């Protein structure tokens, strides 16, 4: 079983756990998610990890496509984009701003307690990859020296606290600012990304 599949079944993105943390995070950021389409997006946004050989690499970055397709098929292009753009990487690659789901997804990570997150990440095999790439690719130069010192730790609990500190700070800096980002799509490039990922 590939790491992405394990993640969705019993790991960090477990279908029976992660969507409820996303719903809790949404409630804290924007109020209770009354719209049933939000609940569907919470359930499907990470299903694309199934069958992926990595979480942060080229395959893992394509995980948004399946959830986006499902939401587009069920509710139309606006909800497709909402779900696709829960990934900052994806949103940047197609010239869009990230969606509110991105912030809720990040806060869900922060809200997930270490006693639950670490065993799930260890059991699925995700922990090693996350610890390896968090300092180099995800954070770049935006991490503080204190956060970086925690992220360099080989102790998963210390590392996790560093990543949560950074993520919490990022959410606070961007929770309102995203409203000013462009919601326009570069239509052909956006379509090419979706079609290209299907092949």
N, C-alpha and C. Protein backbone atom coordinates (compact mmCIF):
# COMPACT_ATOMS: atom_id res chain seq x y z
N UNK A 1 0.85 -1.19 0.00
CA UNK A 1 0.00 0.00 0.00
C UNK A 1 0.89 1.25 0.00
N UNK A 2 0.62 2.16 -0.92
CA UNK A 2 1.45 3.36 -1.03
C UNK A 2 1.15 4.33 0.11
N UNK A 3 2.13 5.20 0.36
CA UNK A 3 2.03 6.11 1.50
C UNK A 3 0.79 7.00 1.41
N UNK A 4 0.43 7.45 0.22
CA UNK A 4 -0.75 8.29 0.07
C UNK A 4 -2.03 7.57 0.47
N UNK A 5 -2.12 6.31 0.06
CA UNK A 5 -3.29 5.51 0.43
C UNK A 5 -3.34 5.31 1.93
N UNK A 6 -2.19 4.99 2.52
CA UNK A 6 -2.15 4.81 3.98
C UNK A 6 -2.54 6.10 4.70
N UNK A 7 -2.14 7.23 4.14
CA UNK A 7 -2.48 8.51 4.75
C UNK A 7 -3.99 8.71 4.82
N UNK A 8 -4.69 8.36 3.73
CA UNK A 8 -6.14 8.56 3.67
C UNK A 8 -6.89 7.53 4.51
N UNK A 9 -6.33 6.34 4.62
CA UNK A 9 -7.02 5.27 5.37
C UNK A 9 -6.80 5.42 6.87
N UNK A 10 -5.53 5.61 7.29
CA UNK A 10 -5.29 5.67 8.73
C UNK A 10 -4.20 6.66 9.12
N UNK A 11 -3.76 7.48 8.19
CA UNK A 11 -2.69 8.42 8.47
C UNK A 11 -3.19 9.83 8.73
N UNK A 12 -2.36 10.80 8.42
CA UNK A 12 -2.63 12.20 8.70
C UNK A 12 -3.90 12.71 8.02
N UNK A 13 -4.24 12.16 6.85
CA UNK A 13 -5.42 12.59 6.11
C UNK A 13 -6.56 11.58 6.22
N UNK A 14 -6.59 10.83 7.30
CA UNK A 14 -7.58 9.77 7.49
C UNK A 14 -9.00 10.29 7.28
N UNK A 15 -9.74 9.61 6.43
CA UNK A 15 -11.08 10.04 6.04
C UNK A 15 -12.04 10.09 7.23
N UNK A 16 -11.78 9.32 8.27
CA UNK A 16 -12.66 9.32 9.43
C UNK A 16 -12.22 10.29 10.53
N UNK A 17 -11.11 11.00 10.29
CA UNK A 17 -10.58 11.92 11.31
C UNK A 17 -10.38 13.33 10.75
N UNK A 18 -9.56 13.44 9.71
CA UNK A 18 -9.14 14.76 9.21
C UNK A 18 -10.30 15.68 8.82
N UNK A 19 -11.34 15.20 8.12
CA UNK A 19 -12.42 16.12 7.74
C UNK A 19 -13.10 16.80 8.94
N UNK A 20 -13.13 16.13 10.07
CA UNK A 20 -13.77 16.71 11.25
C UNK A 20 -12.90 17.81 11.88
N UNK A 21 -11.58 17.65 11.77
CA UNK A 21 -10.70 18.72 12.21
C UNK A 21 -10.79 19.92 11.26
N UNK A 22 -10.98 19.65 9.96
CA UNK A 22 -11.17 20.74 9.01
C UNK A 22 -12.47 21.49 9.32
N UNK A 23 -13.53 20.75 9.65
CA UNK A 23 -14.80 21.38 10.01
C UNK A 23 -14.65 22.23 11.27
N UNK A 24 -13.93 21.71 12.25
CA UNK A 24 -13.69 22.47 13.49
C UNK A 24 -12.91 23.74 13.17
N UNK A 25 -11.87 23.59 12.34
CA UNK A 25 -11.06 24.75 11.97
C UNK A 25 -11.91 25.78 11.22
N UNK A 26 -12.76 25.32 10.30
CA UNK A 26 -13.63 26.23 9.57
C UNK A 26 -14.52 27.01 10.54
N UNK A 27 -15.06 26.30 11.52
CA UNK A 27 -15.92 26.94 12.51
C UNK A 27 -15.19 28.03 13.26
N UNK A 28 -13.94 27.78 13.58
CA UNK A 28 -13.16 28.79 14.31
C UNK A 28 -12.80 29.99 13.45
N UNK A 29 -12.59 29.76 12.17
CA UNK A 29 -12.20 30.84 11.27
C UNK A 29 -13.40 31.63 10.73
N UNK A 30 -14.47 30.93 10.37
CA UNK A 30 -15.55 31.55 9.60
C UNK A 30 -16.95 31.31 10.17
N UNK A 31 -17.05 30.57 11.26
CA UNK A 31 -18.38 30.22 11.77
C UNK A 31 -18.77 28.82 11.32
N UNK A 32 -19.83 28.32 11.90
CA UNK A 32 -20.24 26.94 11.61
C UNK A 32 -20.52 26.75 10.12
N UNK A 33 -20.02 25.64 9.53
CA UNK A 33 -20.21 25.40 8.09
C UNK A 33 -21.61 24.84 7.78
N UNK A 34 -22.58 25.71 7.65
CA UNK A 34 -23.96 25.29 7.42
C UNK A 34 -24.18 24.73 6.02
N UNK A 35 -23.39 25.20 5.07
CA UNK A 35 -23.58 24.78 3.68
C UNK A 35 -23.12 23.32 3.51
N UNK A 36 -24.01 22.40 3.11
CA UNK A 36 -23.62 20.99 2.98
C UNK A 36 -22.49 20.77 1.97
N UNK A 37 -22.35 21.69 1.01
CA UNK A 37 -21.25 21.55 0.04
C UNK A 37 -19.90 21.68 0.72
N UNK A 38 -19.83 22.47 1.78
CA UNK A 38 -18.58 22.56 2.54
C UNK A 38 -18.22 21.22 3.14
N UNK A 39 -19.20 20.53 3.70
CA UNK A 39 -18.95 19.23 4.32
C UNK A 39 -18.45 18.22 3.28
N UNK A 40 -19.02 18.29 2.08
CA UNK A 40 -18.53 17.40 1.02
C UNK A 40 -17.07 17.73 0.69
N UNK A 41 -16.75 19.03 0.61
CA UNK A 41 -15.36 19.41 0.31
C UNK A 41 -14.42 18.97 1.42
N UNK A 42 -14.86 19.03 2.68
CA UNK A 42 -14.03 18.57 3.79
C UNK A 42 -13.72 17.08 3.62
N UNK A 43 -14.70 16.33 3.14
CA UNK A 43 -14.53 14.88 2.98
C UNK A 43 -13.66 14.50 1.79
N UNK A 44 -13.79 15.23 0.67
CA UNK A 44 -13.14 14.78 -0.56
C UNK A 44 -11.84 15.48 -0.90
N UNK A 45 -11.51 16.60 -0.23
CA UNK A 45 -10.40 17.42 -0.73
C UNK A 45 -9.05 16.71 -0.76
N UNK A 46 -8.84 15.72 0.11
CA UNK A 46 -7.56 15.01 0.13
C UNK A 46 -7.63 13.58 -0.38
N UNK A 47 -8.76 13.17 -0.95
CA UNK A 47 -8.89 11.80 -1.45
C UNK A 47 -7.87 11.49 -2.54
N UNK A 48 -7.40 12.50 -3.22
CA UNK A 48 -6.44 12.31 -4.30
C UNK A 48 -5.09 11.78 -3.85
N UNK A 49 -4.85 11.72 -2.55
CA UNK A 49 -3.60 11.10 -2.08
C UNK A 49 -3.61 9.59 -2.31
N UNK A 50 -4.80 9.02 -2.49
CA UNK A 50 -4.88 7.56 -2.69
C UNK A 50 -4.05 7.18 -3.92
N UNK A 51 -3.17 6.22 -3.72
CA UNK A 51 -2.32 5.72 -4.80
C UNK A 51 -1.05 6.51 -5.05
N UNK A 52 -0.83 7.58 -4.28
CA UNK A 52 0.36 8.41 -4.47
C UNK A 52 1.55 7.83 -3.71
N UNK A 53 2.73 7.90 -4.35
CA UNK A 53 3.95 7.34 -3.77
C UNK A 53 4.66 8.32 -2.85
N UNK A 54 4.25 9.60 -2.87
CA UNK A 54 4.85 10.59 -1.97
C UNK A 54 3.76 11.57 -1.55
N UNK A 55 4.08 12.36 -0.54
CA UNK A 55 3.11 13.33 -0.03
C UNK A 55 3.47 14.75 -0.45
N UNK A 56 4.75 15.05 -0.48
CA UNK A 56 5.22 16.41 -0.76
C UNK A 56 5.91 16.53 -2.12
N UNK A 57 6.08 15.42 -2.81
CA UNK A 57 6.76 15.41 -4.10
C UNK A 57 5.80 15.64 -5.26
N UNK A 58 6.25 15.35 -6.47
CA UNK A 58 5.44 15.60 -7.67
C UNK A 58 4.09 14.89 -7.66
N UNK A 59 4.06 13.65 -7.19
CA UNK A 59 2.78 12.92 -7.14
C UNK A 59 1.86 13.53 -6.11
N UNK A 60 2.39 13.76 -4.92
CA UNK A 60 1.57 14.30 -3.84
C UNK A 60 0.97 15.66 -4.17
N UNK A 61 1.70 16.46 -4.93
CA UNK A 61 1.20 17.79 -5.28
C UNK A 61 -0.02 17.73 -6.19
N UNK A 62 -0.22 16.60 -6.84
CA UNK A 62 -1.38 16.41 -7.72
C UNK A 62 -2.62 15.91 -6.96
N UNK A 63 -2.51 15.77 -5.66
CA UNK A 63 -3.61 15.15 -4.90
C UNK A 63 -4.91 15.94 -4.96
N UNK A 64 -4.83 17.23 -5.26
CA UNK A 64 -6.02 18.08 -5.27
C UNK A 64 -6.97 17.76 -6.41
N UNK A 65 -6.47 17.11 -7.45
CA UNK A 65 -7.24 16.93 -8.69
C UNK A 65 -8.51 16.11 -8.46
N UNK A 66 -8.40 14.99 -7.76
CA UNK A 66 -9.57 14.13 -7.58
C UNK A 66 -10.69 14.85 -6.83
N UNK A 67 -10.37 15.47 -5.71
CA UNK A 67 -11.37 16.21 -4.96
C UNK A 67 -11.98 17.34 -5.77
N UNK A 68 -11.13 18.03 -6.55
CA UNK A 68 -11.61 19.10 -7.40
C UNK A 68 -12.58 18.59 -8.46
N UNK A 69 -12.26 17.45 -9.05
CA UNK A 69 -13.15 16.86 -10.05
C UNK A 69 -14.50 16.49 -9.44
N UNK A 70 -14.44 15.87 -8.27
CA UNK A 70 -15.69 15.46 -7.60
C UNK A 70 -16.55 16.67 -7.31
N UNK A 71 -15.94 17.71 -6.73
CA UNK A 71 -16.70 18.90 -6.38
C UNK A 71 -17.22 19.61 -7.63
N UNK A 72 -16.43 19.63 -8.70
CA UNK A 72 -16.88 20.25 -9.95
C UNK A 72 -18.05 19.49 -10.55
N UNK A 73 -17.97 18.18 -10.53
CA UNK A 73 -19.03 17.35 -11.07
C UNK A 73 -20.32 17.53 -10.27
N UNK A 74 -20.19 17.60 -8.95
CA UNK A 74 -21.38 17.72 -8.10
C UNK A 74 -21.95 19.13 -8.06
N UNK A 75 -21.06 20.15 -7.99
CA UNK A 75 -21.54 21.50 -7.67
C UNK A 75 -21.07 22.60 -8.62
N UNK A 76 -20.28 22.26 -9.62
CA UNK A 76 -19.89 23.26 -10.59
C UNK A 76 -18.47 23.79 -10.42
N UNK A 77 -18.04 24.65 -11.37
CA UNK A 77 -16.64 25.08 -11.41
C UNK A 77 -16.18 25.91 -10.21
N UNK A 78 -17.07 26.67 -9.61
CA UNK A 78 -16.66 27.47 -8.45
C UNK A 78 -16.21 26.57 -7.29
N UNK A 79 -16.95 25.49 -7.08
CA UNK A 79 -16.60 24.56 -6.00
C UNK A 79 -15.41 23.70 -6.38
N UNK A 80 -15.25 23.43 -7.68
CA UNK A 80 -14.04 22.74 -8.14
C UNK A 80 -12.81 23.56 -7.77
N UNK A 81 -12.86 24.86 -8.12
CA UNK A 81 -11.72 25.74 -7.85
C UNK A 81 -11.49 25.89 -6.35
N UNK A 82 -12.56 26.00 -5.60
CA UNK A 82 -12.47 26.11 -4.14
C UNK A 82 -11.68 24.94 -3.57
N UNK A 83 -11.95 23.75 -4.08
CA UNK A 83 -11.29 22.54 -3.57
C UNK A 83 -9.89 22.40 -4.11
N UNK A 84 -9.71 22.63 -5.40
CA UNK A 84 -8.36 22.57 -5.98
C UNK A 84 -7.41 23.53 -5.26
N UNK A 85 -7.90 24.71 -4.94
CA UNK A 85 -7.04 25.76 -4.39
C UNK A 85 -6.93 25.70 -2.87
N UNK A 86 -7.22 24.52 -2.29
CA UNK A 86 -6.88 24.36 -0.88
C UNK A 86 -5.38 24.13 -0.75
N UNK A 87 -4.71 23.89 -1.87
CA UNK A 87 -3.25 23.75 -1.90
C UNK A 87 -2.64 25.06 -2.38
N UNK A 88 -1.76 25.65 -1.56
CA UNK A 88 -1.08 26.88 -1.98
C UNK A 88 -0.24 26.63 -3.22
N UNK A 89 0.43 25.48 -3.25
CA UNK A 89 1.27 25.15 -4.41
C UNK A 89 0.43 25.10 -5.68
N UNK A 90 -0.71 24.42 -5.62
CA UNK A 90 -1.56 24.30 -6.80
C UNK A 90 -2.08 25.67 -7.22
N UNK A 91 -2.56 26.43 -6.24
CA UNK A 91 -3.12 27.75 -6.54
C UNK A 91 -2.08 28.63 -7.25
N UNK A 92 -0.85 28.63 -6.74
CA UNK A 92 0.21 29.41 -7.37
C UNK A 92 0.50 28.92 -8.78
N UNK A 93 0.50 27.60 -8.96
CA UNK A 93 0.87 27.05 -10.26
C UNK A 93 -0.15 27.38 -11.35
N UNK A 94 -1.39 27.67 -10.95
CA UNK A 94 -2.42 28.00 -11.94
C UNK A 94 -2.80 29.48 -11.90
N UNK A 95 -2.06 30.27 -11.15
CA UNK A 95 -2.26 31.71 -11.13
C UNK A 95 -3.50 32.16 -10.38
N UNK A 96 -3.87 31.42 -9.34
CA UNK A 96 -5.05 31.77 -8.54
C UNK A 96 -4.64 32.04 -7.10
N UNK A 97 -5.55 32.66 -6.35
CA UNK A 97 -5.36 32.79 -4.92
C UNK A 97 -5.85 31.52 -4.24
N UNK A 98 -5.28 31.20 -3.11
CA UNK A 98 -5.76 30.03 -2.37
C UNK A 98 -7.14 30.31 -1.81
N UNK A 99 -7.87 29.24 -1.54
CA UNK A 99 -9.25 29.36 -1.07
C UNK A 99 -9.32 29.35 0.46
N UNK A 100 -10.49 29.64 0.98
CA UNK A 100 -10.70 29.56 2.43
C UNK A 100 -10.44 28.15 2.95
N UNK A 101 -10.67 27.16 2.09
CA UNK A 101 -10.41 25.78 2.50
C UNK A 101 -8.94 25.58 2.82
N UNK A 102 -8.05 26.31 2.17
CA UNK A 102 -6.62 26.23 2.46
C UNK A 102 -6.35 26.60 3.91
N UNK A 103 -6.91 27.72 4.35
CA UNK A 103 -6.67 28.16 5.72
C UNK A 103 -7.29 27.20 6.73
N UNK A 104 -8.48 26.70 6.44
CA UNK A 104 -9.12 25.74 7.35
C UNK A 104 -8.30 24.45 7.42
N UNK A 105 -7.77 24.02 6.27
CA UNK A 105 -6.95 22.81 6.23
C UNK A 105 -5.67 22.98 7.05
N UNK A 106 -5.05 24.16 6.94
CA UNK A 106 -3.84 24.43 7.72
C UNK A 106 -4.16 24.48 9.21
N UNK A 107 -5.27 25.14 9.56
CA UNK A 107 -5.64 25.21 10.97
C UNK A 107 -6.01 23.83 11.51
N UNK A 108 -6.58 22.98 10.67
CA UNK A 108 -6.91 21.61 11.09
C UNK A 108 -5.63 20.89 11.54
N UNK A 109 -4.54 21.10 10.81
CA UNK A 109 -3.26 20.52 11.21
C UNK A 109 -2.84 21.03 12.58
N UNK A 110 -2.98 22.33 12.80
CA UNK A 110 -2.60 22.93 14.09
C UNK A 110 -3.46 22.36 15.22
N UNK A 111 -4.74 22.15 14.95
CA UNK A 111 -5.67 21.68 15.98
C UNK A 111 -5.52 20.19 16.30
N UNK A 112 -4.94 19.44 15.37
CA UNK A 112 -4.77 18.01 15.61
C UNK A 112 -3.71 17.81 16.69
N UNK A 113 -4.07 17.18 17.81
CA UNK A 113 -3.11 17.05 18.92
C UNK A 113 -1.94 16.13 18.56
N UNK A 114 -0.79 16.43 19.14
CA UNK A 114 0.42 15.64 18.86
C UNK A 114 0.22 14.17 19.19
N UNK A 115 -0.54 13.88 20.26
CA UNK A 115 -0.73 12.48 20.65
C UNK A 115 -1.49 11.68 19.59
N UNK A 116 -2.20 12.38 18.71
CA UNK A 116 -2.90 11.73 17.61
C UNK A 116 -2.10 11.84 16.31
N UNK A 117 -1.58 13.02 16.03
CA UNK A 117 -0.89 13.28 14.77
C UNK A 117 0.35 12.41 14.61
N UNK A 118 1.20 12.38 15.61
CA UNK A 118 2.48 11.67 15.48
C UNK A 118 2.30 10.17 15.26
N UNK A 119 1.47 9.48 16.05
CA UNK A 119 1.27 8.05 15.76
C UNK A 119 0.69 7.78 14.37
N UNK A 120 -0.26 8.63 13.94
CA UNK A 120 -0.84 8.45 12.61
C UNK A 120 0.22 8.65 11.53
N UNK A 121 1.02 9.71 11.66
CA UNK A 121 2.06 10.00 10.66
C UNK A 121 3.15 8.94 10.66
N UNK A 122 3.46 8.40 11.82
CA UNK A 122 4.47 7.35 11.92
C UNK A 122 3.96 6.05 11.31
N UNK A 123 2.72 5.70 11.64
CA UNK A 123 2.12 4.45 11.17
C UNK A 123 1.98 4.44 9.64
N UNK A 124 1.65 5.57 9.06
CA UNK A 124 1.45 5.64 7.61
C UNK A 124 2.76 5.81 6.84
N UNK A 125 3.83 6.18 7.54
CA UNK A 125 5.11 6.40 6.88
C UNK A 125 5.31 7.84 6.42
N UNK A 126 4.40 8.73 6.77
CA UNK A 126 4.49 10.13 6.34
C UNK A 126 5.49 10.93 7.16
N UNK A 127 5.66 10.59 8.40
CA UNK A 127 6.43 11.42 9.33
C UNK A 127 7.83 11.70 8.83
N UNK A 128 8.50 10.69 8.35
CA UNK A 128 9.88 10.86 7.89
C UNK A 128 9.96 11.88 6.75
N UNK A 129 9.04 11.77 5.79
CA UNK A 129 9.04 12.70 4.66
C UNK A 129 8.73 14.12 5.11
N UNK A 130 7.75 14.28 5.96
CA UNK A 130 7.38 15.62 6.44
C UNK A 130 8.53 16.27 7.20
N UNK A 131 9.18 15.51 8.05
CA UNK A 131 10.28 16.06 8.83
C UNK A 131 11.45 16.45 7.91
N UNK A 132 11.64 15.68 6.86
CA UNK A 132 12.76 15.96 5.95
C UNK A 132 12.53 17.22 5.12
N UNK A 133 11.30 17.41 4.64
CA UNK A 133 11.08 18.51 3.69
C UNK A 133 10.56 19.80 4.32
N UNK A 134 10.07 19.76 5.55
CA UNK A 134 9.41 20.95 6.10
C UNK A 134 10.32 22.17 6.16
N UNK A 135 11.54 22.00 6.54
CA UNK A 135 12.45 23.14 6.65
C UNK A 135 12.94 23.65 5.32
N UNK A 136 13.15 22.75 4.37
CA UNK A 136 13.74 23.16 3.10
C UNK A 136 12.72 23.69 2.09
N UNK A 137 11.68 22.92 1.75
CA UNK A 137 10.80 23.32 0.67
C UNK A 137 9.62 24.16 1.13
N UNK A 138 8.91 23.71 2.15
CA UNK A 138 7.68 24.39 2.54
C UNK A 138 7.90 25.77 3.12
N UNK A 139 8.91 25.93 3.94
CA UNK A 139 9.02 27.15 4.71
C UNK A 139 9.95 28.18 4.10
N UNK A 140 10.95 27.72 3.37
CA UNK A 140 11.88 28.66 2.74
C UNK A 140 12.47 29.62 3.75
N UNK A 141 12.53 30.90 3.42
CA UNK A 141 13.10 31.91 4.31
C UNK A 141 12.09 32.55 5.23
N UNK A 142 10.84 32.06 5.24
CA UNK A 142 9.79 32.71 6.01
C UNK A 142 9.71 32.23 7.44
N UNK A 143 10.53 31.27 7.81
CA UNK A 143 10.48 30.71 9.15
C UNK A 143 11.41 31.50 10.07
N UNK A 144 10.98 31.70 11.30
CA UNK A 144 11.82 32.42 12.26
C UNK A 144 12.96 31.52 12.73
N UNK A 145 13.98 32.12 13.31
CA UNK A 145 15.12 31.34 13.81
C UNK A 145 14.69 30.35 14.87
N UNK A 146 13.76 30.78 15.75
CA UNK A 146 13.28 29.87 16.80
C UNK A 146 12.53 28.70 16.19
N UNK A 147 11.64 28.99 15.23
CA UNK A 147 10.89 27.91 14.58
C UNK A 147 11.84 26.96 13.86
N UNK A 148 12.86 27.53 13.20
CA UNK A 148 13.83 26.71 12.49
C UNK A 148 14.59 25.80 13.43
N UNK A 149 14.93 26.31 14.60
CA UNK A 149 15.64 25.47 15.58
C UNK A 149 14.77 24.28 16.01
N UNK A 150 13.47 24.49 16.11
CA UNK A 150 12.57 23.39 16.46
C UNK A 150 12.43 22.42 15.28
N UNK A 151 12.34 22.96 14.08
CA UNK A 151 12.17 22.12 12.89
C UNK A 151 13.39 21.24 12.61
N UNK A 152 14.54 21.65 13.09
CA UNK A 152 15.76 20.85 12.87
C UNK A 152 15.88 19.70 13.86
N UNK A 153 15.01 19.69 14.85
CA UNK A 153 15.07 18.63 15.86
C UNK A 153 14.72 17.27 15.25
N UNK A 154 15.35 16.24 15.78
CA UNK A 154 15.01 14.88 15.36
C UNK A 154 13.90 14.29 16.22
N UNK A 155 13.52 15.02 17.25
CA UNK A 155 12.41 14.60 18.10
C UNK A 155 11.11 15.03 17.42
N UNK A 156 10.24 14.09 17.04
CA UNK A 156 9.02 14.45 16.32
C UNK A 156 8.14 15.45 17.05
N UNK A 157 8.10 15.39 18.38
CA UNK A 157 7.25 16.33 19.13
C UNK A 157 7.79 17.75 19.05
N UNK A 158 9.10 17.89 19.13
CA UNK A 158 9.71 19.22 19.02
C UNK A 158 9.54 19.74 17.60
N UNK A 159 9.81 18.89 16.60
CA UNK A 159 9.62 19.27 15.19
C UNK A 159 8.18 19.72 14.95
N UNK A 160 7.23 18.93 15.45
CA UNK A 160 5.82 19.25 15.22
C UNK A 160 5.44 20.58 15.85
N UNK A 161 5.96 20.86 17.02
CA UNK A 161 5.66 22.15 17.66
C UNK A 161 6.20 23.31 16.82
N UNK A 162 7.39 23.13 16.23
CA UNK A 162 7.94 24.17 15.36
C UNK A 162 7.08 24.40 14.14
N UNK A 163 6.62 23.31 13.53
CA UNK A 163 5.79 23.45 12.34
C UNK A 163 4.43 24.07 12.68
N UNK A 164 3.90 23.71 13.83
CA UNK A 164 2.62 24.30 14.24
C UNK A 164 2.77 25.79 14.55
N UNK A 165 3.87 26.18 15.16
CA UNK A 165 4.10 27.60 15.43
C UNK A 165 4.15 28.39 14.13
N UNK A 166 4.90 27.86 13.16
CA UNK A 166 4.98 28.54 11.86
C UNK A 166 3.61 28.61 11.19
N UNK A 167 2.89 27.48 11.20
CA UNK A 167 1.59 27.41 10.52
C UNK A 167 0.58 28.34 11.17
N UNK A 168 0.58 28.38 12.48
CA UNK A 168 -0.33 29.28 13.22
C UNK A 168 -0.06 30.74 12.84
N UNK A 169 1.20 31.08 12.78
CA UNK A 169 1.59 32.45 12.43
C UNK A 169 1.20 32.76 10.98
N UNK A 170 1.40 31.82 10.08
CA UNK A 170 1.02 32.00 8.68
C UNK A 170 -0.49 32.23 8.55
N UNK A 171 -1.27 31.46 9.27
CA UNK A 171 -2.73 31.61 9.22
C UNK A 171 -3.13 33.00 9.69
N UNK A 172 -2.56 33.44 10.79
CA UNK A 172 -2.90 34.77 11.31
C UNK A 172 -2.54 35.88 10.32
N UNK A 173 -1.43 35.72 9.63
CA UNK A 173 -1.00 36.73 8.66
C UNK A 173 -1.85 36.74 7.40
N UNK A 174 -2.49 35.61 7.08
CA UNK A 174 -3.17 35.48 5.79
C UNK A 174 -4.67 35.26 5.87
N UNK A 175 -5.22 35.11 7.05
CA UNK A 175 -6.64 34.75 7.13
C UNK A 175 -7.55 35.81 6.54
N UNK A 176 -7.16 37.08 6.60
CA UNK A 176 -7.96 38.13 5.99
C UNK A 176 -7.37 38.57 4.66
N UNK A 177 -6.06 38.49 4.55
CA UNK A 177 -5.38 38.98 3.35
C UNK A 177 -5.75 38.25 2.09
N UNK A 178 -6.19 36.98 2.21
CA UNK A 178 -6.47 36.23 0.99
C UNK A 178 -7.65 36.82 0.24
N UNK A 179 -8.51 37.56 0.94
CA UNK A 179 -9.68 38.13 0.26
C UNK A 179 -9.27 39.11 -0.83
N UNK A 180 -8.10 39.70 -0.67
CA UNK A 180 -7.65 40.65 -1.67
C UNK A 180 -6.94 40.01 -2.84
N UNK A 181 -6.69 38.71 -2.75
CA UNK A 181 -5.99 38.04 -3.84
C UNK A 181 -6.91 37.86 -5.04
N UNK A 182 -6.30 37.79 -6.17
CA UNK A 182 -7.08 37.63 -7.39
C UNK A 182 -7.73 36.26 -7.42
N UNK A 183 -8.99 36.23 -7.77
CA UNK A 183 -9.69 34.96 -7.91
C UNK A 183 -9.79 34.56 -9.38
N UNK A 184 -9.16 35.36 -10.24
CA UNK A 184 -9.26 35.07 -11.68
C UNK A 184 -8.41 33.85 -12.02
N UNK A 185 -8.82 33.19 -13.06
CA UNK A 185 -8.14 31.98 -13.51
C UNK A 185 -7.48 32.28 -14.85
N UNK A 186 -6.33 31.69 -15.05
CA UNK A 186 -5.77 31.70 -16.40
C UNK A 186 -6.39 30.49 -17.08
N UNK A 187 -7.49 30.68 -17.80
CA UNK A 187 -8.33 29.55 -18.21
C UNK A 187 -7.58 28.41 -18.89
N UNK A 188 -6.76 28.70 -19.90
CA UNK A 188 -6.13 27.62 -20.63
C UNK A 188 -5.14 26.87 -19.75
N UNK A 189 -4.33 27.61 -18.99
CA UNK A 189 -3.33 26.96 -18.15
C UNK A 189 -4.01 26.12 -17.08
N UNK A 190 -5.09 26.64 -16.52
CA UNK A 190 -5.84 25.92 -15.48
C UNK A 190 -6.40 24.62 -16.06
N UNK A 191 -6.99 24.72 -17.24
CA UNK A 191 -7.55 23.54 -17.89
C UNK A 191 -6.45 22.55 -18.23
N UNK A 192 -5.31 23.03 -18.71
CA UNK A 192 -4.19 22.16 -19.04
C UNK A 192 -3.71 21.39 -17.83
N UNK A 193 -3.68 22.05 -16.66
CA UNK A 193 -3.24 21.39 -15.43
C UNK A 193 -4.15 20.20 -15.13
N UNK A 194 -5.47 20.42 -15.25
CA UNK A 194 -6.43 19.35 -14.92
C UNK A 194 -6.34 18.23 -15.95
N UNK A 195 -6.33 18.58 -17.23
CA UNK A 195 -6.28 17.58 -18.29
C UNK A 195 -4.96 16.81 -18.22
N UNK A 196 -3.85 17.55 -18.01
CA UNK A 196 -2.54 16.90 -17.94
C UNK A 196 -2.42 15.93 -16.79
N UNK A 197 -3.09 16.22 -15.69
CA UNK A 197 -3.00 15.32 -14.54
C UNK A 197 -3.84 14.08 -14.73
N UNK A 198 -4.74 14.07 -15.72
CA UNK A 198 -5.58 12.91 -15.96
C UNK A 198 -4.83 11.84 -16.75
N UNK A 199 -3.80 12.26 -17.49
CA UNK A 199 -3.10 11.31 -18.35
C UNK A 199 -2.04 10.55 -17.60
